């Protein structure tokens, strides 16, 4: 008994859709743009939702253009140093580091 061509095509499309949906759950769709003063340092597209993400260098400005909120840290390992604080940055918003608090060095994705 043979399977029709349209049924095979439909099955392929369904499997592809399931695979793409599974990938999206592990990523924060969109970009995070980081700058030091007025110079762009890096642009991170679709970062994974797990773990700590380090900026290439310390940054003073962060724009969150993802579909997820993020938390910014002044340490490279996404921890709060004694007397320091992390900053919660909602989706589609920006933040500027306070000079006395230091630069942002890492972030995590809220999911």
N, C-alpha and C. Protein backbone atom coordinates (compact mmCIF):
# COMPACT_ATOMS: atom_id res chain seq x y z
N UNK A 1 0.86 -1.17 0.00
CA UNK A 1 0.00 0.00 0.00
C UNK A 1 0.90 1.23 0.00
N UNK A 2 0.75 2.09 -0.96
CA UNK A 2 1.60 3.27 -1.06
C UNK A 2 0.93 4.48 -0.40
N UNK A 3 1.79 5.34 0.08
CA UNK A 3 1.32 6.57 0.72
C UNK A 3 1.31 7.66 -0.34
N UNK A 4 0.26 8.43 -0.40
CA UNK A 4 0.16 9.47 -1.42
C UNK A 4 1.22 10.55 -1.21
N UNK A 5 1.59 11.18 -2.28
CA UNK A 5 2.61 12.24 -2.24
C UNK A 5 2.17 13.39 -1.34
N UNK A 6 0.92 13.78 -1.40
CA UNK A 6 0.45 14.90 -0.58
C UNK A 6 0.47 14.54 0.91
N UNK A 7 0.19 13.29 1.25
CA UNK A 7 0.23 12.88 2.65
C UNK A 7 1.67 12.87 3.16
N UNK A 8 2.63 12.45 2.33
CA UNK A 8 4.04 12.49 2.72
C UNK A 8 4.50 13.93 2.90
N UNK A 9 4.08 14.82 2.00
CA UNK A 9 4.46 16.23 2.10
C UNK A 9 3.89 16.85 3.37
N UNK A 10 2.64 16.56 3.65
CA UNK A 10 2.00 17.09 4.86
C UNK A 10 2.71 16.58 6.11
N UNK A 11 3.08 15.30 6.13
CA UNK A 11 3.82 14.74 7.27
C UNK A 11 5.15 15.45 7.46
N UNK A 12 5.84 15.73 6.35
CA UNK A 12 7.12 16.44 6.42
C UNK A 12 6.96 17.84 6.98
N UNK A 13 5.93 18.54 6.57
CA UNK A 13 5.68 19.90 7.05
C UNK A 13 5.38 19.89 8.54
N UNK A 14 4.59 18.93 8.99
CA UNK A 14 4.25 18.82 10.41
C UNK A 14 5.52 18.55 11.22
N UNK A 15 6.37 17.63 10.78
CA UNK A 15 7.61 17.33 11.49
C UNK A 15 8.53 18.55 11.54
N UNK A 16 8.61 19.28 10.45
CA UNK A 16 9.44 20.49 10.42
C UNK A 16 8.89 21.52 11.41
N UNK A 17 7.60 21.70 11.44
CA UNK A 17 6.99 22.65 12.38
C UNK A 17 7.25 22.28 13.82
N UNK A 18 7.18 21.00 14.14
CA UNK A 18 7.47 20.54 15.50
C UNK A 18 8.93 20.82 15.85
N UNK A 19 9.84 20.54 14.91
CA UNK A 19 11.27 20.78 15.17
C UNK A 19 11.55 22.25 15.37
N UNK A 20 10.96 23.11 14.57
CA UNK A 20 11.20 24.55 14.71
C UNK A 20 10.61 25.09 16.01
N UNK A 21 9.47 24.59 16.41
CA UNK A 21 8.87 25.02 17.67
C UNK A 21 9.74 24.62 18.85
N UNK A 22 10.30 23.43 18.80
CA UNK A 22 11.17 22.98 19.89
C UNK A 22 12.41 23.87 19.99
N UNK A 23 12.94 24.31 18.86
CA UNK A 23 14.11 25.19 18.88
C UNK A 23 13.77 26.55 19.50
N UNK A 24 12.60 27.07 19.18
CA UNK A 24 12.22 28.39 19.67
C UNK A 24 12.11 28.43 21.18
N UNK A 25 11.74 27.31 21.81
CA UNK A 25 11.58 27.28 23.25
C UNK A 25 12.91 27.40 23.97
N UNK A 26 14.01 27.16 23.30
CA UNK A 26 15.33 27.19 23.91
C UNK A 26 16.06 28.49 23.60
N UNK A 27 15.39 29.42 22.92
CA UNK A 27 16.02 30.67 22.54
C UNK A 27 15.13 31.85 22.90
N UNK A 28 15.78 32.97 23.18
CA UNK A 28 15.06 34.23 23.36
C UNK A 28 15.08 34.91 21.98
N UNK A 29 13.97 34.89 21.29
CA UNK A 29 13.93 35.42 19.93
C UNK A 29 14.11 36.93 19.92
N UNK A 30 15.03 37.38 19.09
CA UNK A 30 15.32 38.81 18.97
C UNK A 30 16.80 39.07 19.20
N UNK A 31 17.13 40.33 19.46
CA UNK A 31 18.53 40.70 19.66
C UNK A 31 18.74 41.50 20.93
N UNK A 32 19.94 41.40 21.44
CA UNK A 32 20.39 42.22 22.56
C UNK A 32 21.57 43.01 22.03
N UNK A 33 21.49 44.33 22.13
CA UNK A 33 22.57 45.19 21.66
C UNK A 33 23.26 45.82 22.87
N UNK A 34 24.57 45.71 22.88
CA UNK A 34 25.36 46.23 23.99
C UNK A 34 26.36 47.25 23.49
N UNK A 35 26.54 48.34 24.25
CA UNK A 35 27.48 49.40 23.87
C UNK A 35 28.31 49.81 25.09
N UNK A 36 29.49 50.30 24.80
CA UNK A 36 30.32 50.94 25.82
C UNK A 36 30.39 52.40 25.43
N UNK A 37 29.82 53.25 26.28
CA UNK A 37 29.63 54.67 25.94
C UNK A 37 28.77 54.72 24.69
N UNK A 38 29.23 55.31 23.59
CA UNK A 38 28.40 55.40 22.38
C UNK A 38 28.82 54.39 21.31
N UNK A 39 29.85 53.60 21.58
CA UNK A 39 30.36 52.65 20.59
C UNK A 39 29.74 51.27 20.80
N UNK A 40 29.15 50.70 19.73
CA UNK A 40 28.54 49.38 19.84
C UNK A 40 29.62 48.33 20.05
N UNK A 41 29.43 47.51 21.05
CA UNK A 41 30.39 46.46 21.38
C UNK A 41 29.98 45.15 20.72
N UNK A 42 28.72 44.78 20.88
CA UNK A 42 28.26 43.54 20.26
C UNK A 42 26.75 43.50 20.13
N UNK A 43 26.31 42.63 19.22
CA UNK A 43 24.89 42.40 18.97
C UNK A 43 24.70 40.89 19.06
N UNK A 44 23.85 40.45 19.98
CA UNK A 44 23.63 39.03 20.23
C UNK A 44 22.23 38.68 19.72
N UNK A 45 22.16 37.76 18.77
CA UNK A 45 20.88 37.36 18.19
C UNK A 45 20.43 36.01 18.74
N UNK A 46 19.18 35.94 19.12
CA UNK A 46 18.54 34.72 19.59
C UNK A 46 19.37 33.95 20.62
N UNK A 47 19.72 34.60 21.73
CA UNK A 47 20.53 33.88 22.74
C UNK A 47 19.75 32.74 23.37
N UNK A 48 20.45 31.70 23.77
CA UNK A 48 19.82 30.58 24.45
C UNK A 48 19.25 31.02 25.79
N UNK A 49 18.20 30.36 26.24
CA UNK A 49 17.55 30.78 27.49
C UNK A 49 18.22 30.22 28.73
N UNK A 50 19.12 29.25 28.54
CA UNK A 50 19.78 28.64 29.69
C UNK A 50 21.17 29.22 29.90
N UNK A 51 21.56 29.31 31.14
CA UNK A 51 22.92 29.69 31.47
C UNK A 51 23.21 31.17 31.49
N UNK A 52 24.48 31.46 31.71
CA UNK A 52 24.98 32.82 31.81
C UNK A 52 25.63 33.22 30.49
N UNK A 53 25.33 34.43 30.03
CA UNK A 53 25.91 34.95 28.79
C UNK A 53 26.84 36.11 29.13
N UNK A 54 28.07 36.05 28.67
CA UNK A 54 29.05 37.11 28.94
C UNK A 54 29.12 38.07 27.76
N UNK A 55 29.25 39.34 28.08
CA UNK A 55 29.54 40.32 27.04
C UNK A 55 31.03 40.23 26.74
N UNK A 56 31.43 40.58 25.52
CA UNK A 56 32.84 40.53 25.12
C UNK A 56 33.68 41.41 26.03
N UNK A 57 33.14 42.55 26.38
CA UNK A 57 33.79 43.47 27.32
C UNK A 57 32.70 44.14 28.14
N UNK A 58 33.07 44.85 29.19
CA UNK A 58 32.08 45.56 30.00
C UNK A 58 31.34 46.59 29.17
N UNK A 59 30.04 46.71 29.38
CA UNK A 59 29.22 47.63 28.60
C UNK A 59 28.47 48.60 29.52
N UNK A 60 28.14 49.76 28.96
CA UNK A 60 27.41 50.78 29.73
C UNK A 60 25.95 50.88 29.33
N UNK A 61 25.60 50.42 28.13
CA UNK A 61 24.22 50.50 27.63
C UNK A 61 23.80 49.13 27.11
N UNK A 62 22.57 48.72 27.44
CA UNK A 62 22.03 47.47 26.91
C UNK A 62 20.62 47.73 26.42
N UNK A 63 20.34 47.30 25.18
CA UNK A 63 19.00 47.37 24.59
C UNK A 63 18.50 45.94 24.43
N UNK A 64 17.35 45.64 25.04
CA UNK A 64 16.78 44.29 24.97
C UNK A 64 15.65 44.28 23.94
N UNK A 65 15.96 43.78 22.75
CA UNK A 65 14.96 43.67 21.69
C UNK A 65 14.52 42.22 21.50
N UNK A 66 14.61 41.41 22.58
CA UNK A 66 14.13 40.03 22.52
C UNK A 66 12.69 39.97 23.01
N UNK A 67 12.13 38.78 22.94
CA UNK A 67 10.78 38.56 23.45
C UNK A 67 10.79 38.08 24.90
N UNK A 68 11.97 38.14 25.53
CA UNK A 68 12.11 37.74 26.93
C UNK A 68 12.74 38.86 27.74
N UNK A 69 12.44 38.89 29.02
CA UNK A 69 13.13 39.79 29.93
C UNK A 69 14.52 39.22 30.20
N UNK A 70 15.45 40.09 30.62
CA UNK A 70 16.79 39.64 30.97
C UNK A 70 17.20 40.25 32.31
N UNK A 71 18.22 39.69 32.91
CA UNK A 71 18.80 40.24 34.13
C UNK A 71 20.27 40.53 33.84
N UNK A 72 20.69 41.78 34.10
CA UNK A 72 22.06 42.22 33.86
C UNK A 72 22.88 42.13 35.15
N UNK A 73 24.15 41.73 35.01
CA UNK A 73 25.02 41.58 36.18
C UNK A 73 26.33 42.33 35.97
N UNK A 74 26.91 42.85 37.04
CA UNK A 74 28.20 43.53 36.95
C UNK A 74 29.38 42.55 36.99
N UNK A 75 29.09 41.26 37.13
CA UNK A 75 30.13 40.24 37.17
C UNK A 75 30.08 39.41 35.89
N UNK A 76 31.17 38.72 35.57
CA UNK A 76 31.23 37.89 34.36
C UNK A 76 30.53 36.55 34.53
N UNK A 77 30.17 36.18 35.77
CA UNK A 77 29.56 34.87 36.00
C UNK A 77 28.10 34.95 36.45
N UNK A 78 27.44 36.05 36.17
CA UNK A 78 26.02 36.22 36.48
C UNK A 78 25.71 36.06 37.97
N UNK A 79 26.58 36.60 38.80
CA UNK A 79 26.34 36.61 40.24
C UNK A 79 26.35 38.06 40.72
N UNK A 80 25.72 38.28 41.85
CA UNK A 80 25.73 39.61 42.44
C UNK A 80 26.89 39.70 43.43
N UNK A 81 27.80 40.65 43.22
CA UNK A 81 28.91 40.80 44.16
C UNK A 81 28.41 41.42 45.46
N UNK A 82 29.15 41.25 46.55
CA UNK A 82 28.76 41.88 47.81
C UNK A 82 28.57 43.39 47.61
N UNK A 83 27.43 43.87 47.98
CA UNK A 83 27.14 45.29 47.84
C UNK A 83 26.70 45.71 46.44
N UNK A 84 26.75 44.80 45.49
CA UNK A 84 26.34 45.11 44.11
C UNK A 84 24.93 44.61 43.85
N UNK A 85 24.40 44.99 42.72
CA UNK A 85 23.04 44.58 42.38
C UNK A 85 22.95 44.17 40.93
N UNK A 86 22.00 43.27 40.65
CA UNK A 86 21.65 42.96 39.27
C UNK A 86 20.50 43.90 38.87
N UNK A 87 20.24 43.99 37.59
CA UNK A 87 19.16 44.85 37.09
C UNK A 87 18.25 44.02 36.18
N UNK A 88 16.96 44.07 36.45
CA UNK A 88 15.96 43.38 35.64
C UNK A 88 15.61 44.29 34.47
N UNK A 89 15.74 43.78 33.26
CA UNK A 89 15.49 44.58 32.06
C UNK A 89 14.38 43.92 31.24
N UNK A 90 13.22 44.56 31.21
CA UNK A 90 12.07 44.01 30.48
C UNK A 90 12.32 44.01 28.98
N UNK A 91 11.51 43.22 28.29
CA UNK A 91 11.59 43.14 26.84
C UNK A 91 11.31 44.51 26.22
N UNK A 92 11.99 44.81 25.14
CA UNK A 92 11.83 46.05 24.39
C UNK A 92 12.17 47.30 25.20
N UNK A 93 13.10 47.18 26.16
CA UNK A 93 13.54 48.33 26.94
C UNK A 93 15.06 48.42 26.93
N UNK A 94 15.58 49.49 27.52
CA UNK A 94 17.02 49.73 27.57
C UNK A 94 17.43 50.10 28.99
N UNK A 95 18.73 49.97 29.25
CA UNK A 95 19.26 50.37 30.55
C UNK A 95 20.65 50.93 30.37
N UNK A 96 21.00 51.88 31.22
CA UNK A 96 22.33 52.49 31.23
C UNK A 96 22.95 52.21 32.59
N UNK A 97 24.17 51.68 32.58
CA UNK A 97 24.86 51.38 33.84
C UNK A 97 25.22 52.68 34.55
N UNK A 98 25.05 52.69 35.85
CA UNK A 98 25.43 53.84 36.67
C UNK A 98 26.95 53.77 36.86
N UNK A 99 27.69 54.84 36.52
CA UNK A 99 29.15 54.78 36.62
C UNK A 99 29.69 54.29 37.96
N UNK A 100 29.06 54.67 39.04
CA UNK A 100 29.55 54.25 40.36
C UNK A 100 29.34 52.76 40.61
N UNK A 101 28.41 52.15 39.88
CA UNK A 101 28.11 50.73 40.06
C UNK A 101 28.97 49.86 39.15
N UNK A 102 29.61 50.42 38.16
CA UNK A 102 30.44 49.63 37.25
C UNK A 102 29.71 49.28 35.96
N UNK A 103 30.36 48.47 35.16
CA UNK A 103 29.84 48.07 33.85
C UNK A 103 29.06 46.76 33.95
N UNK A 104 28.18 46.53 32.95
CA UNK A 104 27.51 45.25 32.85
C UNK A 104 28.47 44.27 32.16
N UNK A 105 28.62 43.08 32.73
CA UNK A 105 29.55 42.10 32.17
C UNK A 105 28.86 40.80 31.74
N UNK A 106 27.63 40.57 32.17
CA UNK A 106 26.93 39.33 31.80
C UNK A 106 25.41 39.50 31.96
N UNK A 107 24.69 38.50 31.47
CA UNK A 107 23.22 38.54 31.61
C UNK A 107 22.66 37.12 31.55
N UNK A 108 21.46 36.98 32.09
CA UNK A 108 20.69 35.74 31.97
C UNK A 108 19.34 36.07 31.37
N UNK A 109 18.71 35.06 30.78
CA UNK A 109 17.39 35.20 30.18
C UNK A 109 16.35 34.73 31.19
N UNK A 110 15.29 35.50 31.36
CA UNK A 110 14.19 35.12 32.24
C UNK A 110 13.21 34.32 31.39
N UNK A 111 12.89 33.12 31.85
CA UNK A 111 11.92 32.28 31.11
C UNK A 111 11.03 31.50 32.04
